[in-house]
């Protein structure tokens, strides 16, 4: 096995019901066409060192891909979204783990991919940090704020400002990598920083005055991750896609039973120690395929998607509207729970 980490009145109602019936039939048909046995060949999935993608590492470590019938799963490592985008666009990858707003940007740019599952929500693992003298988002007016442009930090900052009647023009932007933002705050170079775990915990450990001013959990799902698959792959290797989702479920079930052990596997894979990520894990909510299916039929599709899109457009990360109905293919999470 090769596990490389590499959305007259009667007549209108009748028409509407007819459309719903057709869509339901098409959905059921799509599920029926997904083979229970994976197709032969490799499945290449792009991944970055974020613990929200950790169940893939558990699956690889514990041979859960093999148990799902997959012979050659390659976890291909990346450190930047742009590189995953390029690899996916060029066909070097079958699938990728990316932030929801990144998936929106891909589709807006014309990349033929679909969201097939929801992986995680960041609740307190992404946050705006500030010293004790800053009490609210309103206090950010005119302040220097360190954050990484084009990332979840950008999304979170835009959302926090907008929610308080402000815009990015009300702050002084200090662009820098999220890994450096917390350090800049501790060193006194900026009074505010936007970052994520484990940098949040590291900053707070160094300076007890550092506080969580605003967390991603204020709007659950605003910072979230999804599994996207190229449309060509969905047609050519649907059995492999379904098997991957089942392997994720198996890994998550194992994680819930063997939490300490599996956190060690994940921490090692992302280049940290379990102690480094102790509070980080607590700030992430993993999703099984059943929970993803429920979310797709509920708040994620109805509210969260719109909130992420609005924040992404305000941040300039997405330049046009995209539709949840067109982007999300629920047939695989539905098939995983038949």
Protein backbone atom coordinates (compact mmCIF):
# COMPACT_ATOMS: atom_id res chain seq x y z
CA UNK A 1 0.00 0.00 0.00
CA UNK A 2 1.16 3.50 -0.76
CA UNK A 3 0.03 6.08 1.80
CA UNK A 4 2.13 9.06 0.82
CA UNK A 5 1.77 12.26 2.74
CA UNK A 6 2.73 13.62 -0.48
CA UNK A 7 -28.62 25.15 -1.95
CA UNK A 8 -52.66 30.34 -11.75
CA UNK A 9 -51.38 29.27 -8.00
CA UNK A 10 -52.15 25.57 -8.42
CA UNK A 11 -50.16 25.40 -11.62
CA UNK A 12 -47.17 27.11 -10.03
CA UNK A 13 -47.31 24.77 -7.08
CA UNK A 14 -47.56 21.78 -9.38
CA UNK A 15 -44.56 22.96 -11.37
CA UNK A 16 -42.58 23.58 -8.18
CA UNK A 17 -43.44 20.12 -6.86
CA UNK A 18 -42.49 18.65 -10.21
CA UNK A 19 -39.09 20.33 -10.09
CA UNK A 20 -38.51 19.10 -6.53
CA UNK A 21 -39.51 15.62 -7.63
CA UNK A 22 -37.11 15.67 -10.55
CA UNK A 23 -34.27 16.91 -8.34
CA UNK A 24 -35.00 14.27 -5.73
CA UNK A 25 -35.10 11.56 -8.40
CA UNK A 26 -31.84 12.81 -9.88
CA UNK A 27 -30.22 12.83 -6.45
CA UNK A 28 -31.39 9.30 -5.72
CA UNK A 29 -30.20 8.21 -9.16
CA UNK A 30 -26.77 9.75 -8.52
CA UNK A 31 -26.48 7.83 -5.26
CA UNK A 32 -27.51 4.57 -6.94
CA UNK A 33 -24.76 5.01 -9.55
CA UNK A 34 -21.99 5.28 -6.93
CA UNK A 35 -20.36 1.85 -6.74
CA UNK A 36 -19.74 0.40 -3.31
CA UNK A 37 -16.37 -0.94 -4.47
CA UNK A 38 -13.63 1.60 -5.25
CA UNK A 39 -12.17 1.71 -8.72
CA UNK A 40 -8.52 0.59 -9.07
CA UNK A 41 -5.69 3.07 -9.17
CA UNK A 42 -4.29 5.87 -7.04
CA UNK A 43 -6.28 8.61 -5.34
CA UNK A 44 -4.30 11.80 -4.77
CA UNK A 45 -5.54 14.29 -2.23
CA UNK A 46 -3.94 17.65 -1.38
CA UNK A 47 -3.47 18.51 2.26
CA UNK A 48 -1.92 21.31 4.34
CA UNK A 49 -0.52 21.11 7.92
CA UNK A 50 -3.79 22.01 9.64
CA UNK A 51 -5.18 19.75 12.35
CA UNK A 52 -8.69 20.09 10.88
CA UNK A 53 -7.56 17.66 8.19
CA UNK A 54 -6.12 15.32 10.80
CA UNK A 55 -8.42 12.35 10.31
CA UNK A 56 -6.69 11.59 7.00
CA UNK A 57 -3.47 11.08 8.92
CA UNK A 58 -5.26 8.77 11.35
CA UNK A 59 -6.69 6.82 8.41
CA UNK A 60 -3.23 6.43 6.87
CA UNK A 61 -1.57 5.46 10.13
CA UNK A 62 -4.19 2.85 11.00
CA UNK A 63 -4.69 1.30 7.54
CA UNK A 64 -8.25 2.59 7.32
CA UNK A 65 -7.86 3.41 3.64
CA UNK A 66 -7.08 -0.26 3.02
CA UNK A 67 -10.08 -1.34 5.10
CA UNK A 68 -12.27 0.92 2.95
CA UNK A 69 -11.03 -0.93 -0.13
CA UNK A 70 -8.58 1.70 -1.34
CA UNK A 71 -5.21 0.49 -2.54
CA UNK A 72 -3.15 3.60 -3.15
CA UNK A 73 -4.03 6.82 -1.32
CA UNK A 74 -1.50 9.60 -1.62
CA UNK A 75 -1.68 12.52 0.81
CA UNK A 76 0.19 15.26 -1.03
CA UNK A 77 1.55 18.00 1.22
CA UNK A 78 1.26 21.72 0.47
CA UNK A 79 1.87 24.84 2.54
CA UNK A 80 -0.03 27.45 0.48
CA UNK A 81 -3.50 27.57 -1.05
CA UNK A 82 -2.20 28.79 -4.39
CA UNK A 83 -0.14 25.65 -4.84
CA UNK A 84 -3.06 23.35 -4.08
CA UNK A 85 -5.22 25.37 -6.49
CA UNK A 86 -2.64 24.98 -9.25
CA UNK A 87 -2.22 21.24 -8.64
CA UNK A 88 -5.97 20.69 -8.63
CA UNK A 89 -6.49 22.80 -11.77
CA UNK A 90 -3.78 20.93 -13.66
CA UNK A 91 -5.16 17.51 -12.75
CA UNK A 92 -2.24 16.55 -10.50
CA UNK A 93 -4.70 16.02 -7.65
CA UNK A 94 -8.06 14.25 -7.54
CA UNK A 95 -9.24 16.11 -4.45
CA UNK A 96 -8.15 18.67 -1.87
CA UNK A 97 -8.85 19.76 1.68
CA UNK A 98 -9.45 23.50 1.62
CA UNK A 99 -11.26 26.32 3.42
CA UNK A 100 -14.83 27.00 2.33
CA UNK A 101 -13.93 30.44 1.01
CA UNK A 102 -11.07 28.91 -1.01
CA UNK A 103 -13.52 26.52 -2.64
CA UNK A 104 -15.70 29.49 -3.52
CA UNK A 105 -12.73 31.24 -5.09
CA UNK A 106 -11.91 28.17 -7.15
CA UNK A 107 -15.43 27.87 -8.54
CA UNK A 108 -15.66 31.62 -9.16
CA UNK A 109 -12.45 31.32 -11.18
CA UNK A 110 -13.97 28.55 -13.28
CA UNK A 111 -12.28 25.51 -11.73
CA UNK A 112 -14.66 22.52 -12.12
CA UNK A 113 -14.78 21.17 -8.57
CA UNK A 114 -17.56 20.19 -6.18
CA UNK A 115 -17.76 20.20 -2.40
CA UNK A 116 -18.57 16.61 -1.42
CA UNK A 117 -18.20 16.77 2.37
CA UNK A 118 -17.74 19.10 5.31
CA UNK A 119 -14.62 18.34 7.36
CA UNK A 120 -14.43 20.76 10.26
CA UNK A 121 -15.48 24.05 11.85
CA UNK A 122 -12.92 26.22 13.62
CA UNK A 123 -14.59 27.60 16.75
CA UNK A 124 -11.82 29.02 18.91
CA UNK A 125 -8.86 27.87 16.81
CA UNK A 126 -8.99 31.07 14.72
CA UNK A 127 -9.19 34.36 16.60
CA UNK A 128 -8.39 38.05 16.86
CA UNK A 129 -5.94 38.64 19.70
CA UNK A 130 -5.36 41.89 21.55
CA UNK A 131 -3.80 43.30 24.70
CA UNK A 132 -5.85 44.02 27.81
CA UNK A 133 -6.29 47.69 26.85
CA UNK A 134 -8.49 46.80 23.87
CA UNK A 135 -11.96 45.79 25.02
CA UNK A 136 -14.01 45.47 21.83
CA UNK A 137 -13.88 45.37 18.05
CA UNK A 138 -14.89 49.04 18.07
CA UNK A 139 -11.58 49.76 19.81
CA UNK A 140 -9.73 48.59 16.68
CA UNK A 141 -10.51 51.87 14.91
CA UNK A 142 -7.22 53.40 13.81
CA UNK A 143 -5.18 50.53 15.26
CA UNK A 144 -2.48 48.51 13.52
CA UNK A 145 -3.76 44.98 12.94
CA UNK A 146 -1.45 42.16 11.87
CA UNK A 147 -3.06 39.48 9.70
CA UNK A 148 -2.35 37.31 6.70
CA UNK A 149 -4.15 38.51 3.59
CA UNK A 150 -6.11 36.04 1.48
CA UNK A 151 -6.58 33.55 4.31
CA UNK A 152 -9.12 32.60 6.98
CA UNK A 153 -7.61 35.42 9.08
CA UNK A 154 -8.71 37.87 6.38
CA UNK A 155 -12.22 36.37 6.39
CA UNK A 156 -12.49 36.52 10.19
CA UNK A 157 -11.27 40.12 10.42
CA UNK A 158 -13.65 41.32 7.69
CA UNK A 159 -16.58 39.58 9.35
CA UNK A 160 -15.77 40.95 12.81
CA UNK A 161 -15.48 44.52 11.49
CA UNK A 162 -18.65 44.31 9.39
CA UNK A 163 -20.59 42.84 12.32
CA UNK A 164 -19.68 45.96 14.29
CA UNK A 165 -20.50 48.49 11.57
CA UNK A 166 -16.89 48.94 10.48
CA UNK A 167 -14.76 48.19 7.42
CA UNK A 168 -11.12 47.45 6.71
CA UNK A 169 -10.69 51.19 6.09
CA UNK A 170 -11.20 51.74 9.83
CA UNK A 171 -7.96 49.91 10.71
CA UNK A 172 -4.33 50.10 9.66
CA UNK A 173 -3.48 46.90 7.80
CA UNK A 174 -0.22 45.17 8.71
CA UNK A 175 0.08 42.17 6.37
CA UNK A 176 2.21 39.28 7.58
CA UNK A 177 2.02 35.48 7.86
CA UNK A 178 -0.33 34.20 10.56
CA UNK A 179 2.64 32.41 12.11
CA UNK A 180 4.29 35.80 12.76
CA UNK A 181 1.23 37.81 13.79
CA UNK A 182 1.11 36.51 17.36
CA UNK A 183 4.83 37.13 17.80
CA UNK A 184 4.41 40.70 16.55
CA UNK A 185 1.72 41.23 19.18
CA UNK A 186 3.88 39.85 21.99
CA UNK A 187 6.83 41.96 20.87
CA UNK A 188 4.69 45.11 20.97
CA UNK A 189 5.03 45.79 17.25
CA UNK A 190 1.24 45.71 16.84
CA UNK A 191 -1.61 45.96 19.38
CA UNK A 192 -3.82 43.46 17.54
CA UNK A 193 -3.17 40.22 15.65
CA UNK A 194 -5.32 37.74 13.78
CA UNK A 195 -4.01 34.17 13.79
CA UNK A 196 -4.86 30.54 14.43
CA UNK A 197 -3.69 27.59 16.50
CA UNK A 198 -1.11 26.69 17.63
CA UNK A 199 0.00 30.34 17.39
CA UNK A 200 -2.91 31.50 19.56
CA UNK A 201 -1.88 29.25 22.44
CA UNK A 202 1.77 30.17 22.02
CA UNK A 203 1.02 33.89 22.21
CA UNK A 204 -1.20 33.55 25.26
CA UNK A 205 1.38 31.35 27.01
CA UNK A 206 4.04 34.02 26.54
CA UNK A 207 1.85 36.93 27.67
CA UNK A 208 -1.04 36.39 30.06
CA UNK A 209 -2.46 39.82 29.09
CA UNK A 210 -3.24 38.61 25.57
CA UNK A 211 -6.97 38.06 25.21
CA UNK A 212 -9.28 36.48 22.65
CA UNK A 213 -11.12 39.51 21.32
CA UNK A 214 -13.15 37.70 18.66
CA UNK A 215 -13.34 34.00 17.80
CA UNK A 216 -14.50 32.19 14.66
CA UNK A 217 -17.14 30.47 16.77
CA UNK A 218 -19.11 33.75 16.91
CA UNK A 219 -20.52 32.48 13.59
CA UNK A 220 -19.92 28.71 13.51
CA UNK A 221 -18.76 27.66 10.07
CA UNK A 222 -17.39 31.05 9.07
CA UNK A 223 -13.98 29.40 9.23
CA UNK A 224 -14.59 25.90 7.98
CA UNK A 225 -13.01 23.31 5.74
CA UNK A 226 -14.45 21.15 3.01
CA UNK A 227 -13.40 18.28 0.78
CA UNK A 228 -13.49 19.25 -2.89
CA UNK A 229 -13.15 16.85 -5.81
CA UNK A 230 -12.63 17.57 -9.48
CA UNK A 231 -15.84 16.95 -11.45
CA UNK A 232 -13.95 14.67 -13.84
CA UNK A 233 -12.93 12.47 -10.91
CA UNK A 234 -16.50 12.35 -9.60
CA UNK A 235 -17.50 10.83 -12.92
CA UNK A 236 -14.51 8.54 -13.39
CA UNK A 237 -13.84 7.35 -9.83
CA UNK A 238 -17.03 7.81 -7.76
CA UNK A 239 -16.37 4.59 -5.83
CA UNK A 240 -13.01 5.92 -4.67
CA UNK A 241 -14.58 9.20 -3.53
CA UNK A 242 -17.21 7.32 -1.51
CA UNK A 243 -14.55 5.06 -0.01
CA UNK A 244 -12.48 8.10 1.02
CA UNK A 245 -15.46 9.55 2.85
CA UNK A 246 -16.03 6.22 4.59
CA UNK A 247 -12.35 6.12 5.58
CA UNK A 248 -12.70 9.62 7.10
CA UNK A 249 -15.71 8.39 9.08
CA UNK A 250 -13.77 5.37 10.31
CA UNK A 251 -10.87 7.59 11.37
CA UNK A 252 -13.17 9.97 13.21
CA UNK A 253 -14.84 7.07 15.03
CA UNK A 254 -11.38 5.84 16.05
CA UNK A 255 -10.41 9.36 17.13
CA UNK A 256 -13.41 9.57 19.44
CA UNK A 257 -12.42 6.25 21.04
CA UNK A 258 -8.64 6.75 21.09
CA UNK A 259 -8.45 10.52 21.34
CA UNK A 260 -5.06 10.88 23.02
CA UNK A 261 -3.35 8.39 20.70
CA UNK A 262 -4.84 9.88 17.55
CA UNK A 263 -4.06 13.44 18.59
CA UNK A 264 -0.46 12.31 18.78
CA UNK A 265 -0.65 11.03 15.20
CA UNK A 266 -2.17 14.27 13.97
CA UNK A 267 0.21 16.50 15.92
CA UNK A 268 3.23 14.71 14.49
CA UNK A 269 1.84 15.00 10.96
CA UNK A 270 1.40 18.78 11.24
CA UNK A 271 4.81 19.28 12.81
CA UNK A 272 3.83 19.90 16.42
CA UNK A 273 3.47 18.08 19.72
CA UNK A 274 0.18 17.09 21.39
CA UNK A 275 0.94 19.61 24.16
CA UNK A 276 1.34 22.39 21.57
CA UNK A 277 -2.08 21.59 20.17
CA UNK A 278 -3.99 20.71 23.34
CA UNK A 279 -6.25 23.76 23.30
CA UNK A 280 -6.20 23.86 19.51
CA UNK A 281 -7.91 20.48 19.24
CA UNK A 282 -10.60 21.67 21.64
CA UNK A 283 -11.28 24.60 19.33
CA UNK A 284 -12.03 22.43 16.30
CA UNK A 285 -15.23 20.54 15.58
CA UNK A 286 -14.82 17.56 13.23
CA UNK A 287 -17.72 16.43 11.04
CA UNK A 288 -18.69 12.89 10.10
CA UNK A 289 -20.40 12.35 6.74
CA UNK A 290 -23.76 12.02 8.54
CA UNK A 291 -23.20 15.36 10.28
CA UNK A 292 -22.05 16.88 6.99
CA UNK A 293 -25.24 15.68 5.26
CA UNK A 294 -27.34 17.25 8.02
CA UNK A 295 -25.40 20.52 7.78
CA UNK A 296 -25.73 20.62 3.99
CA UNK A 297 -29.50 20.24 4.36
CA UNK A 298 -29.65 22.90 7.07
CA UNK A 299 -27.71 25.90 8.38
CA UNK A 300 -24.52 25.40 6.38
CA UNK A 301 -26.32 25.70 3.07
CA UNK A 302 -28.95 28.16 4.28
CA UNK A 303 -26.87 30.59 6.39
CA UNK A 304 -23.19 29.75 6.76
CA UNK A 305 -22.47 29.61 3.02
CA UNK A 306 -23.96 33.11 2.58
CA UNK A 307 -21.96 34.50 5.52
CA UNK A 308 -18.68 33.09 4.18
CA UNK A 309 -19.40 34.36 0.68
CA UNK A 310 -20.18 37.87 1.97
CA UNK A 311 -16.96 38.00 4.02
CA UNK A 312 -14.91 36.57 1.14
CA UNK A 313 -16.27 39.18 -1.28
CA UNK A 314 -15.59 41.99 1.20
CA UNK A 315 -12.04 40.70 1.54
CA UNK A 316 -11.69 40.63 -2.24
CA UNK A 317 -11.01 36.88 -2.19
CA UNK A 318 -14.09 36.08 -4.29
CA UNK A 319 -15.10 38.51 -7.02
CA UNK A 320 -18.50 37.14 -7.99
CA UNK A 321 -21.43 35.27 -6.52
CA UNK A 322 -21.35 31.48 -6.38
CA UNK A 323 -24.25 29.18 -5.53
CA UNK A 324 -24.38 26.57 -2.79
CA UNK A 325 -26.73 24.51 -4.95
CA UNK A 326 -24.19 24.45 -7.77
CA UNK A 327 -21.14 23.91 -5.57
CA UNK A 328 -22.29 21.19 -3.17
CA UNK A 329 -22.83 17.59 -4.28
CA UNK A 330 -24.50 15.79 -1.38
CA UNK A 331 -24.82 12.43 -3.12
CA UNK A 332 -21.61 11.02 -1.60
CA UNK A 333 -22.32 11.83 2.06
CA UNK A 334 -25.87 10.60 1.49
CA UNK A 335 -24.59 7.36 -0.04
CA UNK A 336 -22.17 6.90 2.87
CA UNK A 337 -25.14 6.79 5.23
CA UNK A 338 -27.59 4.63 3.26
